[in-house]
């Protein structure tokens, strides 16, 4: 699988997204010791991003205005609106005074299915369930992940050590999602103020760059946030077999990972430390004991 050019590797390919600042510099009063000083501070941008399918409004998210084509495709895949990137026929990014509108055109068959299961998803950057209308929608049926990937634990730690987050380094306010290819190592990184959005952008970036040859079974995703139920759900929807979080998982995430055959890792930290919560068989250097190694 060819690697997607991205900030952690080589100069990034040009994005079609209209120019919207991903950060803003403001004048602030900074307190140090016993006095204030007038300084500049760079803040991550957070704007309303509306997703519209075939002319029908579907969801409004708060997101970093960057890599929005990736976000549109990744959200569509991870939410089950489309089954493959090719079913998204076009994405147009339209800046408005109140935010940004993503106008997606999807196939007629997929749009008919969307209308049958349509729901409001406003505000998903928080708990991830805002706007869900019934308990059944929380646990949407997903097939068990069939990935047979075998990945070295050392490769995960090496990727984390190598990764750089430009927006996080400047603002301290973004999450990241990383892709570790089983053969090439770290090959893609996407950032966003929302952890769900960062993962969607990563999924979309890989799907757009690889097209019909995209194989999410060939690697692992690493997220800088906690692993919630929905992060596991999004990974499973894309067919990702290994999801590693730098923070903790929730109990719901662990139970869902076990059910959907996802290898879930938490507390992926410097010094080779991590905790395996489900399906350790995909980890090459796993000793056979699932225990805490924090």
C-alpha atoms as a PDB file:
ATOM      1  CA  UNK A   1       0.000   0.000   0.000  1.00  0.00           C
ATOM      2  CA  UNK A   2       1.494   3.324  -1.000  1.00  0.00           C
ATOM      3  CA  UNK A   3       1.879   5.860   1.765  1.00  0.00           C
ATOM      4  CA  UNK A   4      -0.156   9.038   1.805  1.00  0.00           C
ATOM      5  CA  UNK A   5       2.055  12.135   1.889  1.00  0.00           C
ATOM      6  CA  UNK A   6       1.402  14.008   5.117  1.00  0.00           C
ATOM      7  CA  UNK A   7       3.127  16.349   7.576  1.00  0.00           C
ATOM      8  CA  UNK A   8       4.988  13.634   9.449  1.00  0.00           C
ATOM      9  CA  UNK A   9       6.700  12.306   6.337  1.00  0.00           C
ATOM     10  CA  UNK A  10       7.049  14.622   3.364  1.00  0.00           C
ATOM     11  CA  UNK A  11       5.504  17.826   2.139  1.00  0.00           C
ATOM     12  CA  UNK A  12       1.756  17.462   2.021  1.00  0.00           C
ATOM     13  CA  UNK A  13      -0.205  17.262  -1.188  1.00  0.00           C
ATOM     14  CA  UNK A  14      -2.298  20.323  -1.955  1.00  0.00           C
ATOM     15  CA  UNK A  15      -5.781  20.225  -0.453  1.00  0.00           C
ATOM     16  CA  UNK A  16      -8.803  21.445  -2.358  1.00  0.00           C
ATOM     17  CA  UNK A  17     -10.207  23.067   0.794  1.00  0.00           C
ATOM     18  CA  UNK A  18     -10.735  26.810   0.336  1.00  0.00           C
ATOM     19  CA  UNK A  19      -8.346  28.815   2.499  1.00  0.00           C
ATOM     20  CA  UNK A  20      -9.753  28.978   6.036  1.00  0.00           C
ATOM     21  CA  UNK A  21      -7.336  29.535   8.903  1.00  0.00           C
ATOM     22  CA  UNK A  22      -6.832  26.460  11.102  1.00  0.00           C
ATOM     23  CA  UNK A  23      -5.554  28.753  13.875  1.00  0.00           C
ATOM     24  CA  UNK A  24      -5.844  32.377  14.953  1.00  0.00           C
ATOM     25  CA  UNK A  25      -3.373  34.607  16.775  1.00  0.00           C
ATOM     26  CA  UNK A  26      -4.798  36.800  19.544  1.00  0.00           C
ATOM     27  CA  UNK A  27      -3.377  39.291  22.008  1.00  0.00           C
ATOM     28  CA  UNK A  28      -3.443  37.967  25.578  1.00  0.00           C
ATOM     29  CA  UNK A  29      -2.279  38.863  29.079  1.00  0.00           C
ATOM     30  CA  UNK A  30       0.092  36.173  30.304  1.00  0.00           C
ATOM     31  CA  UNK A  31       0.802  35.855  34.024  1.00  0.00           C
ATOM     32  CA  UNK A  32       4.295  34.739  34.978  1.00  0.00           C
ATOM     33  CA  UNK A  33       5.455  34.693  38.560  1.00  0.00           C
ATOM     34  CA  UNK A  34       4.210  38.016  39.876  1.00  0.00           C
ATOM     35  CA  UNK A  35       3.308  40.067  36.820  1.00  0.00           C
ATOM     36  CA  UNK A  36       1.350  40.245  33.565  1.00  0.00           C
ATOM     37  CA  UNK A  37       2.879  40.704  30.138  1.00  0.00           C
ATOM     38  CA  UNK A  38       1.147  41.550  26.855  1.00  0.00           C
ATOM     39  CA  UNK A  39       1.837  38.699  24.409  1.00  0.00           C
ATOM     40  CA  UNK A  40       0.449  36.907  21.364  1.00  0.00           C
ATOM     41  CA  UNK A  41      -1.110  33.468  21.632  1.00  0.00           C
ATOM     42  CA  UNK A  42      -2.056  31.086  18.819  1.00  0.00           C
ATOM     43  CA  UNK A  43      -5.408  29.315  19.217  1.00  0.00           C
ATOM     44  CA  UNK A  44      -6.827  26.427  17.204  1.00  0.00           C
ATOM     45  CA  UNK A  45      -9.829  27.387  15.092  1.00  0.00           C
ATOM     46  CA  UNK A  46     -13.162  25.740  15.817  1.00  0.00           C
ATOM     47  CA  UNK A  47     -15.945  26.409  13.329  1.00  0.00           C
ATOM     48  CA  UNK A  48     -19.368  25.010  12.555  1.00  0.00           C
ATOM     49  CA  UNK A  49     -19.168  22.536   9.680  1.00  0.00           C
ATOM     50  CA  UNK A  50     -22.470  21.448   8.137  1.00  0.00           C
ATOM     51  CA  UNK A  51     -22.669  18.233   6.116  1.00  0.00           C
ATOM     52  CA  UNK A  52     -25.275  18.176   3.371  1.00  0.00           C
ATOM     53  CA  UNK A  53     -26.068  15.069   1.310  1.00  0.00           C
ATOM     54  CA  UNK A  54     -27.661  15.528  -2.110  1.00  0.00           C
ATOM     55  CA  UNK A  55     -29.022  18.901  -1.039  1.00  0.00           C
ATOM     56  CA  UNK A  56     -30.438  17.697   2.306  1.00  0.00           C
ATOM     57  CA  UNK A  57     -28.912  18.960   5.591  1.00  0.00           C
ATOM     58  CA  UNK A  58     -27.747  16.060   7.754  1.00  0.00           C
ATOM     59  CA  UNK A  59     -25.360  17.114  10.543  1.00  0.00           C
ATOM     60  CA  UNK A  60     -23.557  20.098  12.009  1.00  0.00           C
ATOM     61  CA  UNK A  61     -20.207  19.553  13.702  1.00  0.00           C
ATOM     62  CA  UNK A  62     -17.636  21.764  15.378  1.00  0.00           C
ATOM     63  CA  UNK A  63     -14.297  21.087  13.718  1.00  0.00           C
ATOM     64  CA  UNK A  64     -10.938  22.480  12.680  1.00  0.00           C
ATOM     65  CA  UNK A  65     -11.355  23.918   9.154  1.00  0.00           C
ATOM     66  CA  UNK A  66      -8.645  21.792   7.568  1.00  0.00           C
ATOM     67  CA  UNK A  67      -8.674  18.571   5.498  1.00  0.00           C
ATOM     68  CA  UNK A  68     -12.420  18.927   5.125  1.00  0.00           C
ATOM     69  CA  UNK A  69     -12.676  16.679   2.057  1.00  0.00           C
ATOM     70  CA  UNK A  70     -11.021  13.958   4.146  1.00  0.00           C
ATOM     71  CA  UNK A  71     -13.477  14.679   6.947  1.00  0.00           C
ATOM     72  CA  UNK A  72     -16.489  14.496   4.618  1.00  0.00           C
ATOM     73  CA  UNK A  73     -15.479  11.111   3.194  1.00  0.00           C
ATOM     74  CA  UNK A  74     -14.309   9.677   6.527  1.00  0.00           C
ATOM     75  CA  UNK A  75     -17.498  10.721   8.343  1.00  0.00           C
ATOM     76  CA  UNK A  76     -19.590   9.197   5.570  1.00  0.00           C
ATOM     77  CA  UNK A  77     -17.687   5.903   5.857  1.00  0.00           C
ATOM     78  CA  UNK A  78     -17.500   5.672   9.648  1.00  0.00           C
ATOM     79  CA  UNK A  79     -21.185   6.527  10.051  1.00  0.00           C
ATOM     80  CA  UNK A  80     -22.217   3.931   7.469  1.00  0.00           C
ATOM     81  CA  UNK A  81     -23.703   6.489   5.087  1.00  0.00           C
ATOM     82  CA  UNK A  82     -21.587   4.972   2.311  1.00  0.00           C
ATOM     83  CA  UNK A  83     -19.770   1.651   2.165  1.00  0.00           C
ATOM     84  CA  UNK A  84     -16.784   2.816   0.116  1.00  0.00           C
ATOM     85  CA  UNK A  85     -15.244   6.119  -0.889  1.00  0.00           C
ATOM     86  CA  UNK A  86     -16.363   5.713  -4.499  1.00  0.00           C
ATOM     87  CA  UNK A  87     -19.980   6.147  -3.414  1.00  0.00           C
ATOM     88  CA  UNK A  88     -19.159   9.759  -2.562  1.00  0.00           C
ATOM     89  CA  UNK A  89     -19.406  11.271  -6.044  1.00  0.00           C
ATOM     90  CA  UNK A  90     -18.267  14.773  -5.130  1.00  0.00           C
ATOM     91  CA  UNK A  91     -17.514  17.070  -2.185  1.00  0.00           C
ATOM     92  CA  UNK A  92     -17.745  20.842  -2.394  1.00  0.00           C
ATOM     93  CA  UNK A  93     -16.469  22.995   0.469  1.00  0.00           C
ATOM     94  CA  UNK A  94     -18.466  26.233   0.720  1.00  0.00           C
ATOM     95  CA  UNK A  95     -17.309  28.873   3.251  1.00  0.00           C
ATOM     96  CA  UNK A  96     -20.206  30.860   4.710  1.00  0.00           C
ATOM     97  CA  UNK A  97     -20.392  33.739   7.163  1.00  0.00           C
ATOM     98  CA  UNK A  98     -21.631  31.372   9.875  1.00  0.00           C
ATOM     99  CA  UNK A  99     -19.281  28.467   9.146  1.00  0.00           C
ATOM    100  CA  UNK A 100     -18.514  25.995   6.377  1.00  0.00           C
ATOM    101  CA  UNK A 101     -20.893  23.837   4.372  1.00  0.00           C
ATOM    102  CA  UNK A 102     -19.771  20.491   2.975  1.00  0.00           C
ATOM    103  CA  UNK A 103     -22.002  19.665   0.016  1.00  0.00           C
ATOM    104  CA  UNK A 104     -21.693  15.955  -0.736  1.00  0.00           C
ATOM    105  CA  UNK A 105     -23.212  14.135  -3.673  1.00  0.00           C
ATOM    106  CA  UNK A 106     -23.636  10.407  -3.021  1.00  0.00           C
ATOM    107  CA  UNK A 107     -25.090   7.639  -5.147  1.00  0.00           C
ATOM    108  CA  UNK A 108     -28.856   7.404  -5.450  1.00  0.00           C
ATOM    109  CA  UNK A 109     -28.926   4.032  -3.693  1.00  0.00           C
ATOM    110  CA  UNK A 110     -26.973   5.330  -0.697  1.00  0.00           C
ATOM    111  CA  UNK A 111     -29.058   8.494  -0.503  1.00  0.00           C
ATOM    112  CA  UNK A 112     -32.251   6.427  -0.442  1.00  0.00           C
ATOM    113  CA  UNK A 113     -30.846   4.419   2.477  1.00  0.00           C
ATOM    114  CA  UNK A 114     -29.783   7.601   4.273  1.00  0.00           C
ATOM    115  CA  UNK A 115     -33.278   9.047   4.045  1.00  0.00           C
ATOM    116  CA  UNK A 116     -34.628   5.871   5.653  1.00  0.00           C
ATOM    117  CA  UNK A 117     -32.283   6.105   8.643  1.00  0.00           C
ATOM    118  CA  UNK A 118     -31.849   9.849   8.862  1.00  0.00           C
ATOM    119  CA  UNK A 119     -31.232  11.400  12.243  1.00  0.00           C
ATOM    120  CA  UNK A 120     -29.928  14.628  13.749  1.00  0.00           C
ATOM    121  CA  UNK A 121     -26.279  14.492  14.863  1.00  0.00           C
ATOM    122  CA  UNK A 122     -25.740  18.111  15.933  1.00  0.00           C
ATOM    123  CA  UNK A 123     -22.900  18.547  18.427  1.00  0.00           C
ATOM    124  CA  UNK A 124     -21.067  15.259  18.027  1.00  0.00           C
ATOM    125  CA  UNK A 125     -17.722  16.615  19.303  1.00  0.00           C
ATOM    126  CA  UNK A 126     -18.851  16.009  22.895  1.00  0.00           C
ATOM    127  CA  UNK A 127     -20.265  12.667  23.984  1.00  0.00           C
ATOM    128  CA  UNK A 128     -20.715  11.458  20.410  1.00  0.00           C
ATOM    129  CA  UNK A 129     -24.390  10.606  20.858  1.00  0.00           C
ATOM    130  CA  UNK A 130     -26.070  14.014  20.844  1.00  0.00           C
ATOM    131  CA  UNK A 131     -29.153  13.936  18.666  1.00  0.00           C
ATOM    132  CA  UNK A 132     -29.586  10.167  18.676  1.00  0.00           C
ATOM    133  CA  UNK A 133     -33.294   9.489  18.828  1.00  0.00           C
ATOM    134  CA  UNK A 134     -33.387   5.943  20.218  1.00  0.00           C
ATOM    135  CA  UNK A 135     -31.300   3.436  22.149  1.00  0.00           C
ATOM    136  CA  UNK A 136     -31.165   1.223  19.071  1.00  0.00           C
ATOM    137  CA  UNK A 137     -29.215   3.926  17.221  1.00  0.00           C
ATOM    138  CA  UNK A 138     -26.469   3.880  19.855  1.00  0.00           C
ATOM    139  CA  UNK A 139     -25.532   0.279  19.034  1.00  0.00           C
ATOM    140  CA  UNK A 140     -25.913   0.173  15.274  1.00  0.00           C
ATOM    141  CA  UNK A 141     -25.218  -3.318  13.923  1.00  0.00           C
ATOM    142  CA  UNK A 142     -21.718  -3.807  12.528  1.00  0.00           C
ATOM    143  CA  UNK A 143     -20.040  -6.944  11.208  1.00  0.00           C
ATOM    144  CA  UNK A 144     -17.107  -8.401  13.099  1.00  0.00           C
ATOM    145  CA  UNK A 145     -13.778  -7.008  11.821  1.00  0.00           C
ATOM    146  CA  UNK A 146     -12.005  -9.600   9.690  1.00  0.00           C
ATOM    147  CA  UNK A 147      -8.508  -8.097   9.781  1.00  0.00           C
ATOM    148  CA  UNK A 148      -5.749 -10.717  10.159  1.00  0.00           C
ATOM    149  CA  UNK A 149      -2.997  -8.103  10.403  1.00  0.00           C
ATOM    150  CA  UNK A 150      -0.012  -8.889  12.621  1.00  0.00           C
ATOM    151  CA  UNK A 151       1.780  -5.780  13.815  1.00  0.00           C
ATOM    152  CA  UNK A 152       4.790  -5.363  16.071  1.00  0.00           C
ATOM    153  CA  UNK A 153       4.080  -3.500  19.284  1.00  0.00           C
ATOM    154  CA  UNK A 154       7.427  -1.748  18.790  1.00  0.00           C
ATOM    155  CA  UNK A 155       6.085  -0.264  15.537  1.00  0.00           C
ATOM    156  CA  UNK A 156       3.259   1.423  17.432  1.00  0.00           C
ATOM    157  CA  UNK A 157       5.623   2.952  19.959  1.00  0.00           C
ATOM    158  CA  UNK A 158       8.043   4.011  17.230  1.00  0.00           C
ATOM    159  CA  UNK A 159       5.244   5.766  15.334  1.00  0.00           C
ATOM    160  CA  UNK A 160       4.135   7.670  18.418  1.00  0.00           C
ATOM    161  CA  UNK A 161       7.720   8.738  19.104  1.00  0.00           C
ATOM    162  CA  UNK A 162       8.171   9.895  15.503  1.00  0.00           C
ATOM    163  CA  UNK A 163       4.867  11.682  14.999  1.00  0.00           C
ATOM    164  CA  UNK A 164       4.724  15.466  15.059  1.00  0.00           C
ATOM    165  CA  UNK A 165       1.502  17.452  15.453  1.00  0.00           C
ATOM    166  CA  UNK A 166       1.953  20.902  13.924  1.00  0.00           C
ATOM    167  CA  UNK A 167      -1.362  22.299  15.181  1.00  0.00           C
ATOM    168  CA  UNK A 168      -0.994  20.781  18.652  1.00  0.00           C
ATOM    169  CA  UNK A 169       2.547  22.099  18.952  1.00  0.00           C
ATOM    170  CA  UNK A 170       1.383  25.635  18.141  1.00  0.00           C
ATOM    171  CA  UNK A 171      -1.890  25.712  20.068  1.00  0.00           C
ATOM    172  CA  UNK A 172      -2.030  22.805  22.529  1.00  0.00           C
ATOM    173  CA  UNK A 173      -5.658  22.221  21.559  1.00  0.00           C
ATOM    174  CA  UNK A 174      -5.850  19.435  18.977  1.00  0.00           C
ATOM    175  CA  UNK A 175      -6.201  15.668  18.894  1.00  0.00           C
ATOM    176  CA  UNK A 176      -4.508  13.514  16.296  1.00  0.00           C
ATOM    177  CA  UNK A 177      -5.152  10.194  14.580  1.00  0.00           C
ATOM    178  CA  UNK A 178      -2.202   8.300  13.072  1.00  0.00           C
ATOM    179  CA  UNK A 179      -2.035   5.437  10.591  1.00  0.00           C
ATOM    180  CA  UNK A 180       0.679   2.799  10.969  1.00  0.00           C
ATOM    181  CA  UNK A 181       1.050   0.632   7.882  1.00  0.00           C
ATOM    182  CA  UNK A 182       2.251  -2.889   8.693  1.00  0.00           C
ATOM    183  CA  UNK A 183       5.103  -2.564   6.179  1.00  0.00           C
ATOM    184  CA  UNK A 184       5.859   1.156   6.022  1.00  0.00           C
ATOM    185  CA  UNK A 185       5.203   2.323   9.553  1.00  0.00           C
ATOM    186  CA  UNK A 186       3.759   5.774  10.152  1.00  0.00           C
ATOM    187  CA  UNK A 187       2.235   6.964   6.868  1.00  0.00           C
ATOM    188  CA  UNK A 188      -0.509   9.471   7.706  1.00  0.00           C
ATOM    189  CA  UNK A 189      -1.552  11.878  10.451  1.00  0.00           C
ATOM    190  CA  UNK A 190      -4.598  14.105  10.752  1.00  0.00           C
ATOM    191  CA  UNK A 191      -5.476  16.659  13.458  1.00  0.00           C
ATOM    192  CA  UNK A 192      -8.658  18.276  14.724  1.00  0.00           C
ATOM    193  CA  UNK A 193      -9.988  19.892  17.880  1.00  0.00           C
ATOM    194  CA  UNK A 194     -12.469  16.992  18.017  1.00  0.00           C
ATOM    195  CA  UNK A 195     -11.164  13.459  18.601  1.00  0.00           C
ATOM    196  CA  UNK A 196     -13.970  11.921  16.526  1.00  0.00           C
ATOM    197  CA  UNK A 197     -13.199  14.341  13.713  1.00  0.00           C
ATOM    198  CA  UNK A 198      -9.479  13.515  13.737  1.00  0.00           C
ATOM    199  CA  UNK A 199     -10.262   9.822  13.266  1.00  0.00           C
ATOM    200  CA  UNK A 200     -12.784  10.587  10.524  1.00  0.00           C
ATOM    201  CA  UNK A 201     -10.190  12.733   8.735  1.00  0.00           C
ATOM    202  CA  UNK A 202      -7.655   9.904   8.924  1.00  0.00           C
ATOM    203  CA  UNK A 203     -10.143   7.370   7.543  1.00  0.00           C
ATOM    204  CA  UNK A 204     -11.130   9.769   4.780  1.00  0.00           C
ATOM    205  CA  UNK A 205      -7.541  10.616   3.881  1.00  0.00           C
ATOM    206  CA  UNK A 206      -6.630   6.959   3.466  1.00  0.00           C
ATOM    207  CA  UNK A 207      -9.789   6.147   1.508  1.00  0.00           C
ATOM    208  CA  UNK A 208      -9.325   9.112  -0.834  1.00  0.00           C
ATOM    209  CA  UNK A 209      -5.644   8.442  -1.476  1.00  0.00           C
ATOM    210  CA  UNK A 210      -5.927   4.693  -1.968  1.00  0.00           C
ATOM    211  CA  UNK A 211      -9.277   4.539  -3.748  1.00  0.00           C
ATOM    212  CA  UNK A 212     -10.565   1.031  -4.439  1.00  0.00           C
ATOM    213  CA  UNK A 213      -7.260  -0.447  -3.231  1.00  0.00           C
ATOM    214  CA  UNK A 214      -7.609   0.992   0.281  1.00  0.00           C
ATOM    215  CA  UNK A 215      -7.238  -1.795   2.826  1.00  0.00           C
ATOM    216  CA  UNK A 216      -7.790  -0.801   6.448  1.00  0.00           C
ATOM    217  CA  UNK A 217      -6.883  -4.353   7.451  1.00  0.00           C
ATOM    218  CA  UNK A 218      -3.209  -3.632   6.657  1.00  0.00           C
ATOM    219  CA  UNK A 219      -2.377  -1.481   9.633  1.00  0.00           C
ATOM    220  CA  UNK A 220      -3.337   0.128  12.920  1.00  0.00           C
ATOM    221  CA  UNK A 221      -4.828   3.436  13.998  1.00  0.00           C
ATOM    222  CA  UNK A 222      -3.418   5.375  16.946  1.00  0.00           C
ATOM    223  CA  UNK A 223      -5.409   8.164  18.606  1.00  0.00           C
ATOM    224  CA  UNK A 224      -4.076  10.721  21.072  1.00  0.00           C
ATOM    225  CA  UNK A 225      -7.372  10.816  22.973  1.00  0.00           C
ATOM    226  CA  UNK A 226      -9.256   8.336  25.113  1.00  0.00           C
ATOM    227  CA  UNK A 227     -10.913   5.392  23.378  1.00  0.00           C
ATOM    228  CA  UNK A 228     -14.656   5.809  23.723  1.00  0.00           C
ATOM    229  CA  UNK A 229     -17.417   3.513  22.494  1.00  0.00           C
ATOM    230  CA  UNK A 230     -17.826   5.540  19.328  1.00  0.00           C
ATOM    231  CA  UNK A 231     -14.120   5.601  18.490  1.00  0.00           C
ATOM    232  CA  UNK A 232     -14.175   1.795  18.472  1.00  0.00           C
ATOM    233  CA  UNK A 233     -17.383   1.871  16.442  1.00  0.00           C
ATOM    234  CA  UNK A 234     -15.844   4.160  13.820  1.00  0.00           C
ATOM    235  CA  UNK A 235     -12.710   2.008  13.584  1.00  0.00           C
ATOM    236  CA  UNK A 236     -14.767  -1.159  13.198  1.00  0.00           C
ATOM    237  CA  UNK A 237     -16.987   0.439  10.549  1.00  0.00           C
ATOM    238  CA  UNK A 238     -13.875   1.104   8.467  1.00  0.00           C
ATOM    239  CA  UNK A 239     -12.532  -2.418   9.040  1.00  0.00           C
ATOM    240  CA  UNK A 240      -9.613  -1.331  11.240  1.00  0.00           C
ATOM    241  CA  UNK A 241      -8.461  -4.278  13.332  1.00  0.00           C
ATOM    242  CA  UNK A 242      -6.092  -2.493  15.737  1.00  0.00           C
ATOM    243  CA  UNK A 243      -6.968   0.707  17.598  1.00  0.00           C
ATOM    244  CA  UNK A 244      -4.465   2.116  20.086  1.00  0.00           C
ATOM    245  CA  UNK A 245      -5.171   5.091  22.345  1.00  0.00           C
ATOM    246  CA  UNK A 246      -2.670   7.166  24.258  1.00  0.00           C
ATOM    247  CA  UNK A 247      -5.253   7.610  27.001  1.00  0.00           C
ATOM    248  CA  UNK A 248      -7.730   5.237  28.634  1.00  0.00           C
ATOM    249  CA  UNK A 249     -10.630   3.337  27.082  1.00  0.00           C
ATOM    250  CA  UNK A 250     -14.092   3.268  28.581  1.00  0.00           C
ATOM    251  CA  UNK A 251     -15.675   0.005  29.675  1.00  0.00           C
ATOM    252  CA  UNK A 252     -18.203   0.305  26.834  1.00  0.00           C
ATOM    253  CA  UNK A 253     -15.340   0.645  24.354  1.00  0.00           C
ATOM    254  CA  UNK A 254     -13.675  -2.512  25.669  1.00  0.00           C
ATOM    255  CA  UNK A 255     -16.886  -4.531  25.515  1.00  0.00           C
ATOM    256  CA  UNK A 256     -17.601  -3.327  21.972  1.00  0.00           C
ATOM    257  CA  UNK A 257     -14.020  -4.057  20.852  1.00  0.00           C
ATOM    258  CA  UNK A 258     -14.325  -7.575  22.204  1.00  0.00           C
ATOM    259  CA  UNK A 259     -17.645  -8.051  20.408  1.00  0.00           C
ATOM    260  CA  UNK A 260     -16.457  -6.637  17.067  1.00  0.00           C
ATOM    261  CA  UNK A 261     -13.067  -8.392  17.028  1.00  0.00           C
ATOM    262  CA  UNK A 262     -11.045  -5.182  17.400  1.00  0.00           C
ATOM    263  CA  UNK A 263      -7.682  -5.230  19.143  1.00  0.00           C
ATOM    264  CA  UNK A 264      -7.929  -2.358  21.628  1.00  0.00           C
ATOM    265  CA  UNK A 265      -4.860  -0.880  23.308  1.00  0.00           C
ATOM    266  CA  UNK A 266      -4.810   1.902  25.893  1.00  0.00           C
ATOM    267  CA  UNK A 267      -2.184   4.000  27.651  1.00  0.00           C
ATOM    268  CA  UNK A 268       0.215   3.787  24.702  1.00  0.00           C
ATOM    269  CA  UNK A 269       3.006   5.804  26.269  1.00  0.00           C
ATOM    270  CA  UNK A 270       6.697   6.541  25.971  1.00  0.00           C
ATOM    271  CA  UNK A 271       9.011   3.920  27.362  1.00  0.00           C
ATOM    272  CA  UNK A 272       7.243   1.022  25.676  1.00  0.00           C
ATOM    273  CA  UNK A 273       4.250   0.997  28.032  1.00  0.00           C
ATOM    274  CA  UNK A 274       0.704   0.059  27.084  1.00  0.00           C
ATOM    275  CA  UNK A 275      -2.300  -2.001  28.184  1.00  0.00           C
ATOM    276  CA  UNK A 276      -4.022  -4.561  25.929  1.00  0.00           C
ATOM    277  CA  UNK A 277      -7.772  -4.842  26.511  1.00  0.00           C
ATOM    278  CA  UNK A 278      -9.035  -7.138  23.746  1.00  0.00           C
ATOM    279  CA  UNK A 279      -7.912  -9.528  21.004  1.00  0.00           C
ATOM    280  CA  UNK A 280      -4.132  -9.546  21.585  1.00  0.00           C
ATOM    281  CA  UNK A 281      -3.558 -12.080  18.792  1.00  0.00           C
ATOM    282  CA  UNK A 282      -2.753  -9.320  16.277  1.00  0.00           C
ATOM    283  CA  UNK A 283       0.223  -8.091  18.305  1.00  0.00           C
ATOM    284  CA  UNK A 284       3.380  -9.880  17.181  1.00  0.00           C
ATOM    285  CA  UNK A 285       5.361  -9.446  20.384  1.00  0.00           C
ATOM    286  CA  UNK A 286       2.495 -10.181  22.750  1.00  0.00           C
ATOM    287  CA  UNK A 287       3.490 -12.604  25.488  1.00  0.00           C
ATOM    288  CA  UNK A 288       0.068 -14.085  26.109  1.00  0.00           C
ATOM    289  CA  UNK A 289      -0.730 -12.211  29.327  1.00  0.00           C
ATOM    290  CA  UNK A 290      -3.159  -9.314  29.259  1.00  0.00           C
ATOM    291  CA  UNK A 291      -1.990  -7.177  32.148  1.00  0.00           C
ATOM    292  CA  UNK A 292      -1.403  -3.599  33.053  1.00  0.00           C
ATOM    293  CA  UNK A 293       1.994  -2.313  32.013  1.00  0.00           C
ATOM    294  CA  UNK A 294       1.597   1.369  32.840  1.00  0.00           C
END
